[in-house]
């Protein structure tokens, strides 16, 4: 989740994205978490964390396509 938060902060600072757009986009991340939690028995949260990171990376690629991938 640390990488997901880092992507969120990067998007927050990005000039091409308004606060409202960020909030709308971030609903995708939240939805991904809920879908995984509703469809798996993964008690560790790893699957939900990975789903959130995947969704965040897709949003980031859409808005900041030339950004490097996080380690």
PDB file of N, CA and C in Angstrom:
ATOM      1  N   UNK A   1       0.825  -1.200   0.000  1.00  0.00           N
ATOM      2  CA  UNK A   1       0.000   0.000   0.000  1.00  0.00           C
ATOM      3  C   UNK A   1       0.868   1.262   0.000  1.00  0.00           C
ATOM      4  N   UNK A   2       2.104   1.115   0.399  1.00  0.00           N
ATOM      5  CA  UNK A   2       3.002   2.267   0.419  1.00  0.00           C
ATOM      6  C   UNK A   2       3.194   2.825  -0.999  1.00  0.00           C
ATOM      7  N   UNK A   3       3.360   1.936  -1.966  1.00  0.00           N
ATOM      8  CA  UNK A   3       3.532   2.385  -3.350  1.00  0.00           C
ATOM      9  C   UNK A   3       2.256   3.035  -3.871  1.00  0.00           C
ATOM     10  N   UNK A   4       1.122   2.492  -3.457  1.00  0.00           N
ATOM     11  CA  UNK A   4      -0.156   3.064  -3.879  1.00  0.00           C
ATOM     12  C   UNK A   4      -0.301   4.481  -3.341  1.00  0.00           C
ATOM     13  N   UNK A   5       0.058   4.687  -2.085  1.00  0.00           N
ATOM     14  CA  UNK A   5       0.002   6.042  -1.503  1.00  0.00           C
ATOM     15  C   UNK A   5       0.971   6.982  -2.203  1.00  0.00           C
ATOM     16  N   UNK A   6       2.123   6.461  -2.574  1.00  0.00           N
ATOM     17  CA  UNK A   6       3.111   7.289  -3.268  1.00  0.00           C
ATOM     18  C   UNK A   6       2.574   7.736  -4.626  1.00  0.00           C
ATOM     19  N   UNK A   7       1.899   6.848  -5.324  1.00  0.00           N
ATOM     20  CA  UNK A   7       1.292   7.204  -6.606  1.00  0.00           C
ATOM     21  C   UNK A   7       0.216   8.263  -6.392  1.00  0.00           C
ATOM     22  N   UNK A   8      -0.584   8.101  -5.347  1.00  0.00           N
ATOM     23  CA  UNK A   8      -1.634   9.089  -5.050  1.00  0.00           C
ATOM     24  C   UNK A   8      -1.011  10.469  -4.833  1.00  0.00           C
ATOM     25  N   UNK A   9       0.045  10.536  -4.040  1.00  0.00           N
ATOM     26  CA  UNK A   9       0.699  11.827  -3.782  1.00  0.00           C
ATOM     27  C   UNK A   9       1.289  12.418  -5.066  1.00  0.00           C
ATOM     28  N   UNK A  10       1.842  11.559  -5.902  1.00  0.00           N
ATOM     29  CA  UNK A  10       2.388  12.034  -7.175  1.00  0.00           C
ATOM     30  C   UNK A  10       1.277  12.609  -8.050  1.00  0.00           C
ATOM     31  N   UNK A  11       0.155  11.936  -8.105  1.00  0.00           N
ATOM     32  CA  UNK A  11      -0.985  12.431  -8.878  1.00  0.00           C
ATOM     33  C   UNK A  11      -1.534  13.723  -8.281  1.00  0.00           C
ATOM     34  N   UNK A  12      -1.519  13.831  -6.966  1.00  0.00           N
ATOM     35  CA  UNK A  12      -1.977  15.059  -6.297  1.00  0.00           C
ATOM     36  C   UNK A  12      -1.170  16.264  -6.751  1.00  0.00           C
ATOM     37  N   UNK A  13       0.124  16.070  -6.949  1.00  0.00           N
ATOM     38  CA  UNK A  13       1.023  17.164  -7.327  1.00  0.00           C
ATOM     39  C   UNK A  13       1.030  17.435  -8.829  1.00  0.00           C
ATOM     40  N   UNK A  14       0.462  16.525  -9.608  1.00  0.00           N
ATOM     41  CA  UNK A  14       0.483  16.657 -11.062  1.00  0.00           C
ATOM     42  C   UNK A  14      -0.426  17.809 -11.488  1.00  0.00           C
ATOM     43  N   UNK A  15       0.118  18.721 -12.311  1.00  0.00           N
ATOM     44  CA  UNK A  15      -0.617  19.913 -12.733  1.00  0.00           C
ATOM     45  C   UNK A  15      -1.792  19.625 -13.661  1.00  0.00           C
ATOM     46  N   UNK A  16      -1.749  18.525 -14.394  1.00  0.00           N
ATOM     47  CA  UNK A  16      -2.790  18.241 -15.374  1.00  0.00           C
ATOM     48  C   UNK A  16      -4.026  17.572 -14.806  1.00  0.00           C
ATOM     49  N   UNK A  17      -4.090  17.417 -13.493  1.00  0.00           N
ATOM     50  CA  UNK A  17      -5.176  16.678 -12.856  1.00  0.00           C
ATOM     51  C   UNK A  17      -5.793  17.531 -11.751  1.00  0.00           C
ATOM     52  N   UNK A  18      -7.083  17.792 -11.860  1.00  0.00           N
ATOM     53  CA  UNK A  18      -7.749  18.570 -10.817  1.00  0.00           C
ATOM     54  C   UNK A  18      -8.071  17.676  -9.622  1.00  0.00           C
ATOM     55  N   UNK A  19      -8.382  18.282  -8.515  1.00  0.00           N
ATOM     56  CA  UNK A  19      -8.744  17.533  -7.305  1.00  0.00           C
ATOM     57  C   UNK A  19      -9.956  16.636  -7.575  1.00  0.00           C
ATOM     58  N   UNK A  20     -10.923  17.175  -8.273  1.00  0.00           N
ATOM     59  CA  UNK A  20     -12.129  16.401  -8.570  1.00  0.00           C
ATOM     60  C   UNK A  20     -11.807  15.204  -9.475  1.00  0.00           C
ATOM     61  N   UNK A  21     -10.954  15.417 -10.462  1.00  0.00           N
ATOM     62  CA  UNK A  21     -10.561  14.320 -11.339  1.00  0.00           C
ATOM     63  C   UNK A  21      -9.828  13.239 -10.558  1.00  0.00           C
ATOM     64  N   UNK A  22      -8.955  13.665  -9.651  1.00  0.00           N
ATOM     65  CA  UNK A  22      -8.227  12.706  -8.831  1.00  0.00           C
ATOM     66  C   UNK A  22      -9.191  11.888  -7.973  1.00  0.00           C
ATOM     67  N   UNK A  23     -10.156  12.553  -7.374  1.00  0.00           N
ATOM     68  CA  UNK A  23     -11.137  11.849  -6.557  1.00  0.00           C
ATOM     69  C   UNK A  23     -11.922  10.845  -7.391  1.00  0.00           C
ATOM     70  N   UNK A  24     -12.314  11.239  -8.587  1.00  0.00           N
ATOM     71  CA  UNK A  24     -13.060  10.342  -9.471  1.00  0.00           C
ATOM     72  C   UNK A  24     -12.198   9.148  -9.880  1.00  0.00           C
ATOM     73  N   UNK A  25     -10.960   9.432 -10.260  1.00  0.00           N
ATOM     74  CA  UNK A  25     -10.051   8.360 -10.671  1.00  0.00           C
ATOM     75  C   UNK A  25      -9.786   7.400  -9.513  1.00  0.00           C
ATOM     76  N   UNK A  26      -9.639   7.938  -8.320  1.00  0.00           N
ATOM     77  CA  UNK A  26      -9.269   7.113  -7.176  1.00  0.00           C
ATOM     78  C   UNK A  26     -10.400   6.183  -6.752  1.00  0.00           C
ATOM     79  N   UNK A  27     -11.601   6.477  -7.167  1.00  0.00           N
ATOM     80  CA  UNK A  27     -12.711   5.560  -6.895  1.00  0.00           C
ATOM     81  C   UNK A  27     -12.457   4.214  -7.565  1.00  0.00           C
ATOM     82  N   UNK A  28     -11.713   4.214  -8.655  1.00  0.00           N
ATOM     83  CA  UNK A  28     -11.341   2.973  -9.334  1.00  0.00           C
ATOM     84  C   UNK A  28     -10.468   2.113  -8.427  1.00  0.00           C
ATOM     85  N   UNK A  29      -9.536   2.747  -7.740  1.00  0.00           N
ATOM     86  CA  UNK A  29      -8.660   2.027  -6.811  1.00  0.00           C
ATOM     87  C   UNK A  29      -9.484   1.436  -5.673  1.00  0.00           C
ATOM     88  N   UNK A  30     -10.372   2.239  -5.118  1.00  0.00           N
ATOM     89  CA  UNK A  30     -11.221   1.770  -4.031  1.00  0.00           C
ATOM     90  C   UNK A  30     -12.125   0.626  -4.489  1.00  0.00           C
ATOM     91  N   UNK A  31     -12.647   0.729  -5.700  1.00  0.00           N
ATOM     92  CA  UNK A  31     -13.508  -0.322  -6.238  1.00  0.00           C
ATOM     93  C   UNK A  31     -12.725  -1.621  -6.415  1.00  0.00           C
ATOM     94  N   UNK A  32     -11.492  -1.506  -6.876  1.00  0.00           N
ATOM     95  CA  UNK A  32     -10.661  -2.702  -7.054  1.00  0.00           C
ATOM     96  C   UNK A  32     -10.445  -3.419  -5.726  1.00  0.00           C
ATOM     97  N   UNK A  33     -10.231  -2.649  -4.687  1.00  0.00           N
ATOM     98  CA  UNK A  33     -10.051  -3.237  -3.354  1.00  0.00           C
ATOM     99  C   UNK A  33     -11.319  -3.966  -2.921  1.00  0.00           C
ATOM    100  N   UNK A  34     -12.456  -3.328  -3.089  1.00  0.00           N
ATOM    101  CA  UNK A  34     -13.724  -3.931  -2.660  1.00  0.00           C
ATOM    102  C   UNK A  34     -14.050  -5.189  -3.453  1.00  0.00           C
ATOM    103  N   UNK A  35     -13.773  -5.176  -4.741  1.00  0.00           N
ATOM    104  CA  UNK A  35     -14.039  -6.364  -5.560  1.00  0.00           C
ATOM    105  C   UNK A  35     -13.212  -7.545  -5.053  1.00  0.00           C
ATOM    106  N   UNK A  36     -11.939  -7.301  -4.808  1.00  0.00           N
ATOM    107  CA  UNK A  36     -11.074  -8.382  -4.337  1.00  0.00           C
ATOM    108  C   UNK A  36     -11.517  -8.865  -2.959  1.00  0.00           C
ATOM    109  N   UNK A  37     -11.840  -7.949  -2.078  1.00  0.00           N
ATOM    110  CA  UNK A  37     -12.276  -8.353  -0.739  1.00  0.00           C
ATOM    111  C   UNK A  37     -13.571  -9.149  -0.787  1.00  0.00           C
ATOM    112  N   UNK A  38     -14.423  -8.817  -1.731  1.00  0.00           N
ATOM    113  CA  UNK A  38     -15.702  -9.520  -1.851  1.00  0.00           C
ATOM    114  C   UNK A  38     -15.584 -10.864  -2.555  1.00  0.00           C
ATOM    115  N   UNK A  39     -14.504 -11.072  -3.298  1.00  0.00           N
ATOM    116  CA  UNK A  39     -14.418 -12.287  -4.111  1.00  0.00           C
ATOM    117  C   UNK A  39     -13.316 -13.252  -3.685  1.00  0.00           C
ATOM    118  N   UNK A  40     -12.544 -12.927  -2.664  1.00  0.00           N
ATOM    119  CA  UNK A  40     -11.484 -13.835  -2.221  1.00  0.00           C
ATOM    120  C   UNK A  40     -11.570 -14.057  -0.724  1.00  0.00           C
ATOM    121  N   UNK A  41     -10.887 -15.090  -0.291  1.00  0.00           N
ATOM    122  CA  UNK A  41     -10.782 -15.384   1.133  1.00  0.00           C
ATOM    123  C   UNK A  41      -9.406 -14.996   1.671  1.00  0.00           C
ATOM    124  N   UNK A  42      -8.691 -14.158   0.936  1.00  0.00           N
ATOM    125  CA  UNK A  42      -7.336 -13.745   1.309  1.00  0.00           C
ATOM    126  C   UNK A  42      -7.387 -12.864   2.550  1.00  0.00           C
ATOM    127  N   UNK A  43      -7.070 -13.432   3.683  1.00  0.00           N
ATOM    128  CA  UNK A  43      -7.108 -12.686   4.949  1.00  0.00           C
ATOM    129  C   UNK A  43      -5.884 -11.787   5.132  1.00  0.00           C
ATOM    130  N   UNK A  44      -4.824 -12.035   4.377  1.00  0.00           N
ATOM    131  CA  UNK A  44      -3.601 -11.240   4.531  1.00  0.00           C
ATOM    132  C   UNK A  44      -3.734  -9.854   3.923  1.00  0.00           C
ATOM    133  N   UNK A  45      -4.634  -9.703   2.967  1.00  0.00           N
ATOM    134  CA  UNK A  45      -4.795  -8.417   2.306  1.00  0.00           C
ATOM    135  C   UNK A  45      -3.865  -8.210   1.130  1.00  0.00           C
ATOM    136  N   UNK A  46      -3.024  -9.201   0.856  1.00  0.00           N
ATOM    137  CA  UNK A  46      -2.072  -9.054  -0.255  1.00  0.00           C
ATOM    138  C   UNK A  46      -2.782  -8.893  -1.591  1.00  0.00           C
ATOM    139  N   UNK A  47      -3.825  -9.647  -1.800  1.00  0.00           N
ATOM    140  CA  UNK A  47      -4.545  -9.565  -3.076  1.00  0.00           C
ATOM    141  C   UNK A  47      -5.182  -8.191  -3.243  1.00  0.00           C
ATOM    142  N   UNK A  48      -5.762  -7.668  -2.173  1.00  0.00           N
ATOM    143  CA  UNK A  48      -6.379  -6.335  -2.232  1.00  0.00           C
ATOM    144  C   UNK A  48      -5.320  -5.266  -2.456  1.00  0.00           C
ATOM    145  N   UNK A  49      -4.189  -5.409  -1.796  1.00  0.00           N
ATOM    146  CA  UNK A  49      -3.097  -4.454  -1.978  1.00  0.00           C
ATOM    147  C   UNK A  49      -2.571  -4.458  -3.400  1.00  0.00           C
ATOM    148  N   UNK A  50      -2.458  -5.651  -3.975  1.00  0.00           N
ATOM    149  CA  UNK A  50      -1.986  -5.749  -5.358  1.00  0.00           C
ATOM    150  C   UNK A  50      -3.003  -5.168  -6.326  1.00  0.00           C
ATOM    151  N   UNK A  51      -4.276  -5.416  -6.076  1.00  0.00           N
ATOM    152  CA  UNK A  51      -5.329  -4.856  -6.931  1.00  0.00           C
ATOM    153  C   UNK A  51      -5.310  -3.332  -6.874  1.00  0.00           C
ATOM    154  N   UNK A  52      -5.116  -2.778  -5.678  1.00  0.00           N
ATOM    155  CA  UNK A  52      -5.046  -1.321  -5.528  1.00  0.00           C
ATOM    156  C   UNK A  52      -3.847  -0.760  -6.272  1.00  0.00           C
ATOM    157  N   UNK A  53      -2.708  -1.423  -6.129  1.00  0.00           N
ATOM    158  CA  UNK A  53      -1.496  -0.954  -6.808  1.00  0.00           C
ATOM    159  C   UNK A  53      -1.660  -1.019  -8.323  1.00  0.00           C
ATOM    160  N   UNK A  54      -2.214  -2.109  -8.823  1.00  0.00           N
ATOM    161  CA  UNK A  54      -2.433  -2.237 -10.267  1.00  0.00           C
ATOM    162  C   UNK A  54      -3.336  -1.117 -10.794  1.00  0.00           C
ATOM    163  N   UNK A  55      -4.420  -0.861 -10.081  1.00  0.00           N
ATOM    164  CA  UNK A  55      -5.347   0.196 -10.504  1.00  0.00           C
ATOM    165  C   UNK A  55      -4.667   1.565 -10.450  1.00  0.00           C
ATOM    166  N   UNK A  56      -3.905   1.821  -9.390  1.00  0.00           N
ATOM    167  CA  UNK A  56      -3.205   3.104  -9.248  1.00  0.00           C
ATOM    168  C   UNK A  56      -2.184   3.293 -10.360  1.00  0.00           C
ATOM    169  N   UNK A  57      -1.481   2.223 -10.716  1.00  0.00           N
ATOM    170  CA  UNK A  57      -0.490   2.326 -11.788  1.00  0.00           C
ATOM    171  C   UNK A  57      -1.158   2.611 -13.130  1.00  0.00           C
ATOM    172  N   UNK A  58      -2.324   2.053 -13.349  1.00  0.00           N
ATOM    173  CA  UNK A  58      -3.042   2.332 -14.595  1.00  0.00           C
ATOM    174  C   UNK A  58      -3.475   3.795 -14.659  1.00  0.00           C
ATOM    175  N   UNK A  59      -3.951   4.322 -13.548  1.00  0.00           N
ATOM    176  CA  UNK A  59      -4.346   5.739 -13.498  1.00  0.00           C
ATOM    177  C   UNK A  59      -3.133   6.620 -13.744  1.00  0.00           C
ATOM    178  N   UNK A  60      -2.045   6.291 -13.068  1.00  0.00           N
ATOM    179  CA  UNK A  60      -0.814   7.053 -13.215  1.00  0.00           C
ATOM    180  C   UNK A  60      -0.336   7.044 -14.663  1.00  0.00           C
ATOM    181  N   UNK A  61      -0.385   5.889 -15.324  1.00  0.00           N
ATOM    182  CA  UNK A  61       0.043   5.783 -16.720  1.00  0.00           C
ATOM    183  C   UNK A  61      -0.841   6.614 -17.637  1.00  0.00           C
ATOM    184  N   UNK A  62      -2.106   6.724 -17.283  1.00  0.00           N
ATOM    185  CA  UNK A  62      -3.033   7.518 -18.097  1.00  0.00           C
ATOM    186  C   UNK A  62      -2.731   9.007 -17.972  1.00  0.00           C
ATOM    187  N   UNK A  63      -2.394   9.471 -16.779  1.00  0.00           N
ATOM    188  CA  UNK A  63      -2.198  10.900 -16.543  1.00  0.00           C
ATOM    189  C   UNK A  63      -0.748  11.348 -16.655  1.00  0.00           C
ATOM    190  N   UNK A  64       0.181  10.456 -16.329  1.00  0.00           N
ATOM    191  CA  UNK A  64       1.603  10.797 -16.377  1.00  0.00           C
ATOM    192  C   UNK A  64       2.315   9.685 -17.147  1.00  0.00           C
ATOM    193  N   UNK A  65       2.093   9.609 -18.440  1.00  0.00           N
ATOM    194  CA  UNK A  65       2.596   8.478 -19.207  1.00  0.00           C
ATOM    195  C   UNK A  65       4.128   8.355 -19.267  1.00  0.00           C
ATOM    196  N   UNK A  66       4.836   9.442 -19.060  1.00  0.00           N
ATOM    197  CA  UNK A  66       6.293   9.390 -19.145  1.00  0.00           C
ATOM    198  C   UNK A  66       6.959   9.150 -17.792  1.00  0.00           C
ATOM    199  N   UNK A  67       6.178   8.910 -16.743  1.00  0.00           N
ATOM    200  CA  UNK A  67       6.740   8.657 -15.412  1.00  0.00           C
ATOM    201  C   UNK A  67       7.325   7.244 -15.358  1.00  0.00           C
ATOM    202  N   UNK A  68       8.414   7.107 -14.611  1.00  0.00           N
ATOM    203  CA  UNK A  68       9.023   5.791 -14.434  1.00  0.00           C
ATOM    204  C   UNK A  68       8.176   4.958 -13.496  1.00  0.00           C
ATOM    205  N   UNK A  69       8.226   3.639 -13.662  1.00  0.00           N
ATOM    206  CA  UNK A  69       7.527   2.750 -12.739  1.00  0.00           C
ATOM    207  C   UNK A  69       8.206   2.780 -11.382  1.00  0.00           C
ATOM    208  N   UNK A  70       7.415   2.634 -10.351  1.00  0.00           N
ATOM    209  CA  UNK A  70       7.966   2.586  -8.999  1.00  0.00           C
ATOM    210  C   UNK A  70       8.650   1.257  -8.765  1.00  0.00           C
ATOM    211  N   UNK A  71       9.675   1.259  -7.939  1.00  0.00           N
ATOM    212  CA  UNK A  71      10.358  -0.008  -7.622  1.00  0.00           C
ATOM    213  C   UNK A  71       9.458  -0.947  -6.849  1.00  0.00           C
TER     214      UNK A  71
END
